Amino acid sequence: MGANFRRQSQPKGPVGQSGLRQGRAESRSGALEVKGWPKSTSLHSITVVSNTLGYYKSELTTHAKPEDREFDIRLMIREIGNPIPMYAKKVELALPEQRKEIGFDFEQADWIKPYGEGRVADVTFLGTKNFEDDRNYETTVVLSCSHKNGGIQPDAAQKNGAFQLSKFKTARKAPDEGYQDAHKFIWVRSGNSRKGSTKEANYIFRSRVVLDQSGQIKSCHYGKLIGAVNVARKSGCPDTNPVVSFTYYFNPTPNDRNLEFEPKENLFGALEWDEEVREP
C-alpha cells in the first residue's frame, strides 16, 4: 500500500510561485503515517494506491482539509481470479449505411459481408442521423442481438462504486438472465446544449445462441462492452454516416460466462496502440 500526497499552499513569493510540496509514504500493513503537514490553509490531495500481490491495482484520490490530522481512507481491492484469453479490441468504424441493420462479428472485428470480412453477426447496429446545421443535430444507434435469447444488459457491478477504483471494474461472470433485445445510444446537440449516453456505463452481452429442440439454450457466447457505444464522433458532419466507437471483450469458449480478461493473451495478437485493450 502506498500514498502520494501533494500540498498546494498559499503563494508567498512572486506571482506564479505555488509553494507546492509533495511526498510519498508506503506500508505493508495498510496503515500509513504522513508527517510534517504544516498548520496552514493548504488543501492536501492524497492518492492511495494498492499494488498488493495477487490483487488488481486500485487507486483512490481524496482531499483533506488542514484540520484533518487523522482520518480513514477505505480502498477495496479485488482479487485476481481466473483471467483468460479473449478477443478484445477498441474499435471506431463508420456504419456502411443508415437506417439498415448491419451485423458485426466480434471474432473478426469487422462488419459482416458484403460490408466487411465478418461471418457471424454477434450484434447488429442500426444508425440514423438527423442533421439541421452544425449546432442542431441528433445521432441514434440501436445495438441489437441478432440471435433469439441473446441480448445486452447493463453490468450490475458498476453500481458498486468501490469496483470503479480497481483496474478490474466489471462483473467476473456474465449473468444467466436479464438480457434485453436491444439498447439505444444517442448523441444530441441543440444550440449550446449537448447530451448523450454516459461513457461510464458498462454492458454484458450474450450472442451466437443455439437452441435445442425444446427451445432451451444449447450453446452461446458471452462478452462485455466497456463504456457506452460512443456515437458522438462526426455527428456534426453532414455528409457522414453515424460513427460508432467502443471497447469490447469476446469470450471464444461456448457457454463460458467468465469475463475476466488476461491482457497479455489477447487472441487478436499484436494490435495498433490505439486498438489495444490494457484493462482486464
Foldseek 3Di string as FASTA:
>chain_A
DKKKKKKFADDDDDPPDGPIDIDMFDDPVQDTADDDDDQHQIKMKMKDWDPDPQWFIFIDIDIDGSVCRDDDDDADIGGDDDADAWAKWKDKDFDPDAQDWWFAASVVRGTPPPRDPDDDRQKTKHKDKDADALQWIKIKIKIFGPDPPKAKDWFPQVVVVSLVRGLRNGDQFDDPDDGDGIDMWMWTGHHPDIDIFWFQIKMKIKGPFDADPVRHTPKIWIKMWGGDFDFPPCSSPPPGGTMTITIMITDPDIPGGGHRHDQVNHVVPDDPPNIGDDGD
